[in-house]
């Protein structure tokens, strides 16, 4: 069953986002496995809504890929990461913007 969550990253800016996302996509060869939708940030910090095939796909990305990447970028053993704010998914309908 699909799993959705919103991640609030207060105080971060689009420059930070623009630095991390290409590195993440390089490691995962594009959108991470299991990620259905990822929307980019807004001004004044950012909110990232995502929809995943499952919560397990998201957990794998966070623990196995994103955390080591942030450790490398920040030099911190335990880099700050926002906690997910899950929301239920009943149905997904989308149209590509490409």
PDB file of N, CA and C in Angstrom:
ATOM      1  N   UNK A   1       0.846  -1.181   0.000  1.00  0.00           N
ATOM      2  CA  UNK A   1       0.000   0.000   0.000  1.00  0.00           C
ATOM      3  C   UNK A   1       0.886   1.237   0.000  1.00  0.00           C
ATOM      4  N   UNK A   2       0.494   2.236  -0.759  1.00  0.00           N
ATOM      5  CA  UNK A   2       1.273   3.470  -0.845  1.00  0.00           C
ATOM      6  C   UNK A   2       1.333   4.166   0.511  1.00  0.00           C
ATOM      7  N   UNK A   3       2.423   4.918   0.715  1.00  0.00           N
ATOM      8  CA  UNK A   3       2.662   5.639   1.967  1.00  0.00           C
ATOM      9  C   UNK A   3       3.078   7.054   1.604  1.00  0.00           C
ATOM     10  N   UNK A   4       2.460   8.044   2.238  1.00  0.00           N
ATOM     11  CA  UNK A   4       2.808   9.430   1.977  1.00  0.00           C
ATOM     12  C   UNK A   4       3.226  10.133   3.246  1.00  0.00           C
ATOM     13  N   UNK A   5       4.095  11.123   3.100  1.00  0.00           N
ATOM     14  CA  UNK A   5       4.535  11.905   4.248  1.00  0.00           C
ATOM     15  C   UNK A   5       4.996  13.270   3.773  1.00  0.00           C
ATOM     16  N   UNK A   6       4.920  14.215   4.676  1.00  0.00           N
ATOM     17  CA  UNK A   6       5.441  15.550   4.440  1.00  0.00           C
ATOM     18  C   UNK A   6       6.622  15.746   5.382  1.00  0.00           C
ATOM     19  N   UNK A   7       7.661  16.381   4.879  1.00  0.00           N
ATOM     20  CA  UNK A   7       8.863  16.649   5.661  1.00  0.00           C
ATOM     21  C   UNK A   7       9.082  18.147   5.692  1.00  0.00           C
ATOM     22  N   UNK A   8       9.035  18.743   6.868  1.00  0.00           N
ATOM     23  CA  UNK A   8       9.287  20.172   7.018  1.00  0.00           C
ATOM     24  C   UNK A   8      10.735  20.387   7.407  1.00  0.00           C
ATOM     25  N   UNK A   9      11.421  21.233   6.657  1.00  0.00           N
ATOM     26  CA  UNK A   9      12.836  21.519   6.911  1.00  0.00           C
ATOM     27  C   UNK A   9      12.959  23.030   7.138  1.00  0.00           C
ATOM     28  N   UNK A  10      12.676  23.491   8.367  1.00  0.00           N
ATOM     29  CA  UNK A  10      12.709  24.933   8.633  1.00  0.00           C
ATOM     30  C   UNK A  10      14.130  25.482   8.547  1.00  0.00           C
ATOM     31  N   UNK A  11      14.219  26.682   8.031  1.00  0.00           N
ATOM     32  CA  UNK A  11      15.512  27.354   7.983  1.00  0.00           C
ATOM     33  C   UNK A  11      16.401  26.924   6.828  1.00  0.00           C
ATOM     34  N   UNK A  12      16.072  25.846   6.149  1.00  0.00           N
ATOM     35  CA  UNK A  12      16.867  25.428   4.997  1.00  0.00           C
ATOM     36  C   UNK A  12      16.442  26.255   3.797  1.00  0.00           C
ATOM     37  N   UNK A  13      17.317  26.336   2.823  1.00  0.00           N
ATOM     38  CA  UNK A  13      16.982  27.120   1.642  1.00  0.00           C
ATOM     39  C   UNK A  13      17.091  26.271   0.388  1.00  0.00           C
ATOM     40  N   UNK A  14      16.679  26.844  -0.735  1.00  0.00           N
ATOM     41  CA  UNK A  14      16.696  26.082  -1.974  1.00  0.00           C
ATOM     42  C   UNK A  14      18.121  25.758  -2.418  1.00  0.00           C
ATOM     43  N   UNK A  15      19.097  26.537  -1.983  1.00  0.00           N
ATOM     44  CA  UNK A  15      20.491  26.221  -2.322  1.00  0.00           C
ATOM     45  C   UNK A  15      20.918  24.906  -1.685  1.00  0.00           C
ATOM     46  N   UNK A  16      20.542  24.687  -0.429  1.00  0.00           N
ATOM     47  CA  UNK A  16      20.860  23.417   0.239  1.00  0.00           C
ATOM     48  C   UNK A  16      20.175  22.265  -0.485  1.00  0.00           C
ATOM     49  N   UNK A  17      18.911  22.466  -0.786  1.00  0.00           N
ATOM     50  CA  UNK A  17      18.144  21.445  -1.509  1.00  0.00           C
ATOM     51  C   UNK A  17      18.815  21.142  -2.850  1.00  0.00           C
ATOM     52  N   UNK A  18      19.173  22.200  -3.584  1.00  0.00           N
ATOM     53  CA  UNK A  18      19.778  22.033  -4.904  1.00  0.00           C
ATOM     54  C   UNK A  18      21.152  21.389  -4.844  1.00  0.00           C
ATOM     55  N   UNK A  19      21.799  21.416  -3.693  1.00  0.00           N
ATOM     56  CA  UNK A  19      23.089  20.747  -3.521  1.00  0.00           C
ATOM     57  C   UNK A  19      22.884  19.259  -3.247  1.00  0.00           C
ATOM     58  N   UNK A  20      21.913  18.935  -2.423  1.00  0.00           N
ATOM     59  CA  UNK A  20      21.727  17.556  -1.981  1.00  0.00           C
ATOM     60  C   UNK A  20      21.027  16.691  -3.025  1.00  0.00           C
ATOM     61  N   UNK A  21      19.982  17.198  -3.664  1.00  0.00           N
ATOM     62  CA  UNK A  21      19.183  16.371  -4.574  1.00  0.00           C
ATOM     63  C   UNK A  21      20.001  15.793  -5.734  1.00  0.00           C
ATOM     64  N   UNK A  22      20.845  16.564  -6.434  1.00  0.00           N
ATOM     65  CA  UNK A  22      21.634  15.959  -7.510  1.00  0.00           C
ATOM     66  C   UNK A  22      22.571  14.856  -7.014  1.00  0.00           C
ATOM     67  N   UNK A  23      23.134  15.028  -5.815  1.00  0.00           N
ATOM     68  CA  UNK A  23      23.996  13.985  -5.260  1.00  0.00           C
ATOM     69  C   UNK A  23      23.185  12.724  -4.962  1.00  0.00           C
ATOM     70  N   UNK A  24      22.006  12.909  -4.411  1.00  0.00           N
ATOM     71  CA  UNK A  24      21.128  11.776  -4.125  1.00  0.00           C
ATOM     72  C   UNK A  24      20.735  11.071  -5.419  1.00  0.00           C
ATOM     73  N   UNK A  25      20.362  11.830  -6.443  1.00  0.00           N
ATOM     74  CA  UNK A  25      19.960  11.233  -7.714  1.00  0.00           C
ATOM     75  C   UNK A  25      21.126  10.551  -8.413  1.00  0.00           C
ATOM     76  N   UNK A  26      22.326  11.014  -8.167  1.00  0.00           N
ATOM     77  CA  UNK A  26      23.504  10.347  -8.723  1.00  0.00           C
ATOM     78  C   UNK A  26      23.673   8.964  -8.094  1.00  0.00           C
ATOM     79  N   UNK A  27      23.491   8.896  -6.777  1.00  0.00           N
ATOM     80  CA  UNK A  27      23.632   7.627  -6.062  1.00  0.00           C
ATOM     81  C   UNK A  27      22.511   6.661  -6.441  1.00  0.00           C
ATOM     82  N   UNK A  28      21.302   7.172  -6.605  1.00  0.00           N
ATOM     83  CA  UNK A  28      20.142   6.312  -6.859  1.00  0.00           C
ATOM     84  C   UNK A  28      19.792   6.211  -8.347  1.00  0.00           C
ATOM     85  N   UNK A  29      20.579   6.838  -9.212  1.00  0.00           N
ATOM     86  CA  UNK A  29      20.321   6.871 -10.654  1.00  0.00           C
ATOM     87  C   UNK A  29      18.921   7.406 -10.963  1.00  0.00           C
ATOM     88  N   UNK A  30      18.601   8.550 -10.405  1.00  0.00           N
ATOM     89  CA  UNK A  30      17.297   9.181 -10.629  1.00  0.00           C
ATOM     90  C   UNK A  30      16.464   9.142  -9.368  1.00  0.00           C
ATOM     91  N   UNK A  31      15.165   9.124  -9.544  1.00  0.00           N
ATOM     92  CA  UNK A  31      14.251   9.053  -8.409  1.00  0.00           C
ATOM     93  C   UNK A  31      14.508   7.761  -7.651  1.00  0.00           C
ATOM     94  N   UNK A  32      14.650   7.809  -6.321  1.00  0.00           N
ATOM     95  CA  UNK A  32      14.948   6.598  -5.552  1.00  0.00           C
ATOM     96  C   UNK A  32      13.887   5.508  -5.748  1.00  0.00           C
ATOM     97  N   UNK A  33      14.333   4.266  -5.694  1.00  0.00           N
ATOM     98  CA  UNK A  33      13.418   3.137  -5.851  1.00  0.00           C
ATOM     99  C   UNK A  33      12.276   3.242  -4.847  1.00  0.00           C
ATOM    100  N   UNK A  34      11.070   3.092  -5.343  1.00  0.00           N
ATOM    101  CA  UNK A  34       9.897   3.129  -4.491  1.00  0.00           C
ATOM    102  C   UNK A  34       9.280   4.502  -4.339  1.00  0.00           C
ATOM    103  N   UNK A  35       9.987   5.562  -4.742  1.00  0.00           N
ATOM    104  CA  UNK A  35       9.440   6.915  -4.646  1.00  0.00           C
ATOM    105  C   UNK A  35       8.557   7.174  -5.864  1.00  0.00           C
ATOM    106  N   UNK A  36       7.314   7.529  -5.608  1.00  0.00           N
ATOM    107  CA  UNK A  36       6.363   7.792  -6.677  1.00  0.00           C
ATOM    108  C   UNK A  36       6.324   9.277  -7.000  1.00  0.00           C
ATOM    109  N   UNK A  37       6.282  10.116  -5.964  1.00  0.00           N
ATOM    110  CA  UNK A  37       6.199  11.567  -6.151  1.00  0.00           C
ATOM    111  C   UNK A  37       7.073  12.259  -5.116  1.00  0.00           C
ATOM    112  N   UNK A  38       7.847  13.237  -5.563  1.00  0.00           N
ATOM    113  CA  UNK A  38       8.640  14.097  -4.673  1.00  0.00           C
ATOM    114  C   UNK A  38       8.455  15.512  -5.192  1.00  0.00           C
ATOM    115  N   UNK A  39       8.023  16.410  -4.334  1.00  0.00           N
ATOM    116  CA  UNK A  39       7.828  17.800  -4.751  1.00  0.00           C
ATOM    117  C   UNK A  39       8.849  18.692  -4.058  1.00  0.00           C
ATOM    118  N   UNK A  40       9.345  19.670  -4.777  1.00  0.00           N
ATOM    119  CA  UNK A  40      10.448  20.491  -4.282  1.00  0.00           C
ATOM    120  C   UNK A  40      10.007  21.596  -3.329  1.00  0.00           C
ATOM    121  N   UNK A  41      11.006  22.283  -2.743  1.00  0.00           N
ATOM    122  CA  UNK A  41      10.754  23.192  -1.623  1.00  0.00           C
ATOM    123  C   UNK A  41      10.074  24.503  -1.982  1.00  0.00           C
ATOM    124  N   UNK A  42       9.646  25.163  -0.904  1.00  0.00           N
ATOM    125  CA  UNK A  42       9.100  26.505  -0.999  1.00  0.00           C
ATOM    126  C   UNK A  42      10.038  27.458  -0.268  1.00  0.00           C
ATOM    127  N   UNK A  43       9.749  28.728  -0.287  1.00  0.00           N
ATOM    128  CA  UNK A  43      10.604  29.730   0.361  1.00  0.00           C
ATOM    129  C   UNK A  43      10.523  29.640   1.886  1.00  0.00           C
ATOM    130  N   UNK A  44      11.587  30.101   2.556  1.00  0.00           N
ATOM    131  CA  UNK A  44      11.589  30.196   4.019  1.00  0.00           C
ATOM    132  C   UNK A  44      11.633  28.851   4.700  1.00  0.00           C
ATOM    133  N   UNK A  45      12.588  28.033   4.332  1.00  0.00           N
ATOM    134  CA  UNK A  45      12.572  26.644   4.742  1.00  0.00           C
ATOM    135  C   UNK A  45      11.812  25.927   3.659  1.00  0.00           C
ATOM    136  N   UNK A  46      11.617  24.655   3.796  1.00  0.00           N
ATOM    137  CA  UNK A  46      10.811  24.019   2.782  1.00  0.00           C
ATOM    138  C   UNK A  46      10.031  22.843   3.315  1.00  0.00           C
ATOM    139  N   UNK A  47       8.975  22.526   2.592  1.00  0.00           N
ATOM    140  CA  UNK A  47       8.095  21.403   2.892  1.00  0.00           C
ATOM    141  C   UNK A  47       8.174  20.475   1.690  1.00  0.00           C
ATOM    142  N   UNK A  48       8.487  19.223   1.947  1.00  0.00           N
ATOM    143  CA  UNK A  48       8.633  18.246   0.882  1.00  0.00           C
ATOM    144  C   UNK A  48       7.582  17.156   1.042  1.00  0.00           C
ATOM    145  N   UNK A  49       6.518  17.188   0.239  1.00  0.00           N
ATOM    146  CA  UNK A  49       5.567  16.074   0.249  1.00  0.00           C
ATOM    147  C   UNK A  49       6.096  14.952  -0.655  1.00  0.00           C
ATOM    148  N   UNK A  50       5.942  13.730  -0.215  1.00  0.00           N
ATOM    149  CA  UNK A  50       6.369  12.582  -1.002  1.00  0.00           C
ATOM    150  C   UNK A  50       5.326  11.477  -0.914  1.00  0.00           C
ATOM    151  N   UNK A  51       5.268  10.671  -1.963  1.00  0.00           N
ATOM    152  CA  UNK A  51       4.452   9.468  -1.968  1.00  0.00           C
ATOM    153  C   UNK A  51       5.374   8.326  -2.374  1.00  0.00           C
ATOM    154  N   UNK A  52       5.330   7.259  -1.592  1.00  0.00           N
ATOM    155  CA  UNK A  52       6.192   6.098  -1.787  1.00  0.00           C
ATOM    156  C   UNK A  52       5.345   4.848  -1.991  1.00  0.00           C
ATOM    157  N   UNK A  53       5.928   3.849  -2.635  1.00  0.00           N
ATOM    158  CA  UNK A  53       5.243   2.569  -2.793  1.00  0.00           C
ATOM    159  C   UNK A  53       4.949   1.957  -1.429  1.00  0.00           C
ATOM    160  N   UNK A  54       5.845   2.178  -0.467  1.00  0.00           N
ATOM    161  CA  UNK A  54       5.645   1.671   0.892  1.00  0.00           C
ATOM    162  C   UNK A  54       6.524   2.459   1.850  1.00  0.00           C
ATOM    163  N   UNK A  55       6.180   2.395   3.136  1.00  0.00           N
ATOM    164  CA  UNK A  55       7.012   3.036   4.148  1.00  0.00           C
ATOM    165  C   UNK A  55       8.388   2.380   4.201  1.00  0.00           C
ATOM    166  N   UNK A  56       8.463   1.093   3.929  1.00  0.00           N
ATOM    167  CA  UNK A  56       9.746   0.383   3.937  1.00  0.00           C
ATOM    168  C   UNK A  56      10.696   0.936   2.873  1.00  0.00           C
ATOM    169  N   UNK A  57      10.176   1.295   1.687  1.00  0.00           N
ATOM    170  CA  UNK A  57      11.026   1.905   0.661  1.00  0.00           C
ATOM    171  C   UNK A  57      11.627   3.204   1.182  1.00  0.00           C
ATOM    172  N   UNK A  58      10.797   4.030   1.828  1.00  0.00           N
ATOM    173  CA  UNK A  58      11.298   5.288   2.362  1.00  0.00           C
ATOM    174  C   UNK A  58      12.347   5.043   3.451  1.00  0.00           C
ATOM    175  N   UNK A  59      12.076   4.107   4.362  1.00  0.00           N
ATOM    176  CA  UNK A  59      13.029   3.815   5.437  1.00  0.00           C
ATOM    177  C   UNK A  59      14.369   3.355   4.876  1.00  0.00           C
ATOM    178  N   UNK A  60      14.341   2.552   3.810  1.00  0.00           N
ATOM    179  CA  UNK A  60      15.582   2.094   3.181  1.00  0.00           C
ATOM    180  C   UNK A  60      16.365   3.293   2.639  1.00  0.00           C
ATOM    181  N   UNK A  61      15.670   4.184   1.940  1.00  0.00           N
ATOM    182  CA  UNK A  61      16.357   5.371   1.411  1.00  0.00           C
ATOM    183  C   UNK A  61      16.985   6.169   2.543  1.00  0.00           C
ATOM    184  N   UNK A  62      16.232   6.414   3.598  1.00  0.00           N
ATOM    185  CA  UNK A  62      16.732   7.257   4.692  1.00  0.00           C
ATOM    186  C   UNK A  62      17.947   6.637   5.381  1.00  0.00           C
ATOM    187  N   UNK A  63      17.864   5.355   5.727  1.00  0.00           N
ATOM    188  CA  UNK A  63      18.950   4.753   6.503  1.00  0.00           C
ATOM    189  C   UNK A  63      20.152   4.348   5.656  1.00  0.00           C
ATOM    190  N   UNK A  64      19.906   3.853   4.461  1.00  0.00           N
ATOM    191  CA  UNK A  64      21.000   3.293   3.656  1.00  0.00           C
ATOM    192  C   UNK A  64      21.619   4.272   2.669  1.00  0.00           C
ATOM    193  N   UNK A  65      20.883   5.326   2.294  1.00  0.00           N
ATOM    194  CA  UNK A  65      21.384   6.230   1.258  1.00  0.00           C
ATOM    195  C   UNK A  65      21.465   7.672   1.744  1.00  0.00           C
ATOM    196  N   UNK A  66      20.346   8.219   2.218  1.00  0.00           N
ATOM    197  CA  UNK A  66      20.311   9.641   2.564  1.00  0.00           C
ATOM    198  C   UNK A  66      21.173   9.974   3.781  1.00  0.00           C
ATOM    199  N   UNK A  67      21.081   9.184   4.847  1.00  0.00           N
ATOM    200  CA  UNK A  67      21.886   9.475   6.042  1.00  0.00           C
ATOM    201  C   UNK A  67      23.382   9.450   5.739  1.00  0.00           C
ATOM    202  N   UNK A  68      23.916   8.415   5.067  1.00  0.00           N
ATOM    203  CA  UNK A  68      25.351   8.460   4.743  1.00  0.00           C
ATOM    204  C   UNK A  68      25.735   9.637   3.846  1.00  0.00           C
ATOM    205  N   UNK A  69      24.840  10.006   2.928  1.00  0.00           N
ATOM    206  CA  UNK A  69      25.115  11.148   2.059  1.00  0.00           C
ATOM    207  C   UNK A  69      25.188  12.438   2.870  1.00  0.00           C
ATOM    208  N   UNK A  70      24.231  12.635   3.781  1.00  0.00           N
ATOM    209  CA  UNK A  70      24.250  13.829   4.633  1.00  0.00           C
ATOM    210  C   UNK A  70      25.448  13.822   5.577  1.00  0.00           C
ATOM    211  N   UNK A  71      25.842  12.660   6.057  1.00  0.00           N
ATOM    212  CA  UNK A  71      27.033  12.567   6.906  1.00  0.00           C
ATOM    213  C   UNK A  71      28.256  13.047   6.131  1.00  0.00           C
ATOM    214  N   UNK A  72      28.348  12.632   4.874  1.00  0.00           N
ATOM    215  CA  UNK A  72      29.485  13.034   4.042  1.00  0.00           C
ATOM    216  C   UNK A  72      29.470  14.540   3.799  1.00  0.00           C
ATOM    217  N   UNK A  73      28.299  15.098   3.517  1.00  0.00           N
ATOM    218  CA  UNK A  73      28.201  16.523   3.208  1.00  0.00           C
ATOM    219  C   UNK A  73      28.426  17.384   4.448  1.00  0.00           C
ATOM    220  N   UNK A  74      27.805  17.008   5.576  1.00  0.00           N
ATOM    221  CA  UNK A  74      27.858  17.849   6.777  1.00  0.00           C
ATOM    222  C   UNK A  74      29.035  17.537   7.682  1.00  0.00           C
ATOM    223  N   UNK A  75      29.583  16.326   7.589  1.00  0.00           N
ATOM    224  CA  UNK A  75      30.633  15.907   8.505  1.00  0.00           C
ATOM    225  C   UNK A  75      30.102  15.527   9.873  1.00  0.00           C
ATOM    226  N   UNK A  76      28.790  15.503  10.024  1.00  0.00           N
ATOM    227  CA  UNK A  76      28.165  15.154  11.304  1.00  0.00           C
ATOM    228  C   UNK A  76      27.842  13.662  11.340  1.00  0.00           C
ATOM    229  N   UNK A  77      28.063  13.042  12.496  1.00  0.00           N
ATOM    230  CA  UNK A  77      27.750  11.622  12.647  1.00  0.00           C
ATOM    231  C   UNK A  77      26.245  11.378  12.585  1.00  0.00           C
ATOM    232  N   UNK A  78      25.485  12.306  13.177  1.00  0.00           N
ATOM    233  CA  UNK A  78      24.022  12.194  13.181  1.00  0.00           C
ATOM    234  C   UNK A  78      23.429  13.492  12.637  1.00  0.00           C
ATOM    235  N   UNK A  79      23.385  13.640  11.311  1.00  0.00           N
ATOM    236  CA  UNK A  79      22.862  14.887  10.753  1.00  0.00           C
ATOM    237  C   UNK A  79      21.368  15.036  11.027  1.00  0.00           C
ATOM    238  N   UNK A  80      20.943  16.292  11.219  1.00  0.00           N
ATOM    239  CA  UNK A  80      19.522  16.575  11.426  1.00  0.00           C
ATOM    240  C   UNK A  80      18.738  16.157  10.197  1.00  0.00           C
ATOM    241  N   UNK A  81      17.637  15.459  10.441  1.00  0.00           N
ATOM    242  CA  UNK A  81      16.708  15.106   9.378  1.00  0.00           C
ATOM    243  C   UNK A  81      15.301  15.271   9.938  1.00  0.00           C
ATOM    244  N   UNK A  82      14.412  15.837   9.144  1.00  0.00           N
ATOM    245  CA  UNK A  82      13.057  16.031   9.649  1.00  0.00           C
ATOM    246  C   UNK A  82      12.335  14.703   9.815  1.00  0.00           C
ATOM    247  N   UNK A  83      11.483  14.639  10.827  1.00  0.00           N
ATOM    248  CA  UNK A  83      10.644  13.457  11.006  1.00  0.00           C
ATOM    249  C   UNK A  83       9.489  13.529  10.022  1.00  0.00           C
ATOM    250  N   UNK A  84       9.096  12.383   9.482  1.00  0.00           N
ATOM    251  CA  UNK A  84       7.973  12.392   8.545  1.00  0.00           C
ATOM    252  C   UNK A  84       6.666  12.700   9.266  1.00  0.00           C
ATOM    253  N   UNK A  85       5.799  13.369   8.562  1.00  0.00           N
ATOM    254  CA  UNK A  85       4.431  13.599   9.020  1.00  0.00           C
ATOM    255  C   UNK A  85       3.544  12.801   8.064  1.00  0.00           C
ATOM    256  N   UNK A  86       3.321  11.517   8.376  1.00  0.00           N
ATOM    257  CA  UNK A  86       2.607  10.638   7.444  1.00  0.00           C
ATOM    258  C   UNK A  86       1.170  11.079   7.199  1.00  0.00           C
ATOM    259  N   UNK A  87       0.690  10.756   6.017  1.00  0.00           N
ATOM    260  CA  UNK A  87      -0.713  10.977   5.685  1.00  0.00           C
ATOM    261  C   UNK A  87      -1.207   9.766   4.898  1.00  0.00           C
ATOM    262  N   UNK A  88      -2.483   9.441   5.028  1.00  0.00           N
ATOM    263  CA  UNK A  88      -3.018   8.258   4.357  1.00  0.00           C
ATOM    264  C   UNK A  88      -3.148   8.488   2.846  1.00  0.00           C
ATOM    265  N   UNK A  89      -2.973   7.427   2.100  1.00  0.00           N
ATOM    266  CA  UNK A  89      -3.134   7.460   0.650  1.00  0.00           C
ATOM    267  C   UNK A  89      -4.262   6.496   0.290  1.00  0.00           C
ATOM    268  N   UNK A  90      -5.281   7.005  -0.316  1.00  0.00           N
ATOM    269  CA  UNK A  90      -6.367   6.145  -0.781  1.00  0.00           C
ATOM    270  C   UNK A  90      -6.172   5.799  -2.259  1.00  0.00           C
ATOM    271  N   UNK A  91      -5.762   6.801  -3.030  1.00  0.00           N
ATOM    272  CA  UNK A  91      -5.633   6.613  -4.467  1.00  0.00           C
ATOM    273  C   UNK A  91      -4.626   7.621  -4.995  1.00  0.00           C
ATOM    274  N   UNK A  92      -3.921   7.252  -6.046  1.00  0.00           N
ATOM    275  CA  UNK A  92      -2.951   8.166  -6.670  1.00  0.00           C
ATOM    276  C   UNK A  92      -3.291   8.268  -8.150  1.00  0.00           C
ATOM    277  N   UNK A  93      -3.436   9.490  -8.603  1.00  0.00           N
ATOM    278  CA  UNK A  93      -3.632   9.756 -10.014  1.00  0.00           C
ATOM    279  C   UNK A  93      -2.675  10.891 -10.351  1.00  0.00           C
ATOM    280  N   UNK A  94      -1.923  10.740 -11.406  1.00  0.00           N
ATOM    281  CA  UNK A  94      -0.938  11.768 -11.729  1.00  0.00           C
ATOM    282  C   UNK A  94      -0.788  11.907 -13.233  1.00  0.00           C
ATOM    283  N   UNK A  95      -0.356  13.069 -13.614  1.00  0.00           N
ATOM    284  CA  UNK A  95      -0.024  13.347 -14.999  1.00  0.00           C
ATOM    285  C   UNK A  95       1.407  13.876 -14.999  1.00  0.00           C
ATOM    286  N   UNK A  96       2.209  13.408 -15.880  1.00  0.00           N
ATOM    287  CA  UNK A  96       3.590  13.853 -15.942  1.00  0.00           C
ATOM    288  C   UNK A  96       3.651  15.317 -16.370  1.00  0.00           C
ATOM    289  N   UNK A  97       4.613  16.046 -15.783  1.00  0.00           N
ATOM    290  CA  UNK A  97       4.824  17.444 -16.180  1.00  0.00           C
ATOM    291  C   UNK A  97       5.920  17.551 -17.227  1.00  0.00           C
ATOM    292  N   UNK A  98       6.487  16.430 -17.620  1.00  0.00           N
ATOM    293  CA  UNK A  98       7.579  16.435 -18.618  1.00  0.00           C
ATOM    294  C   UNK A  98       7.023  16.387 -20.020  1.00  0.00           C
TER     295      UNK A  98
END
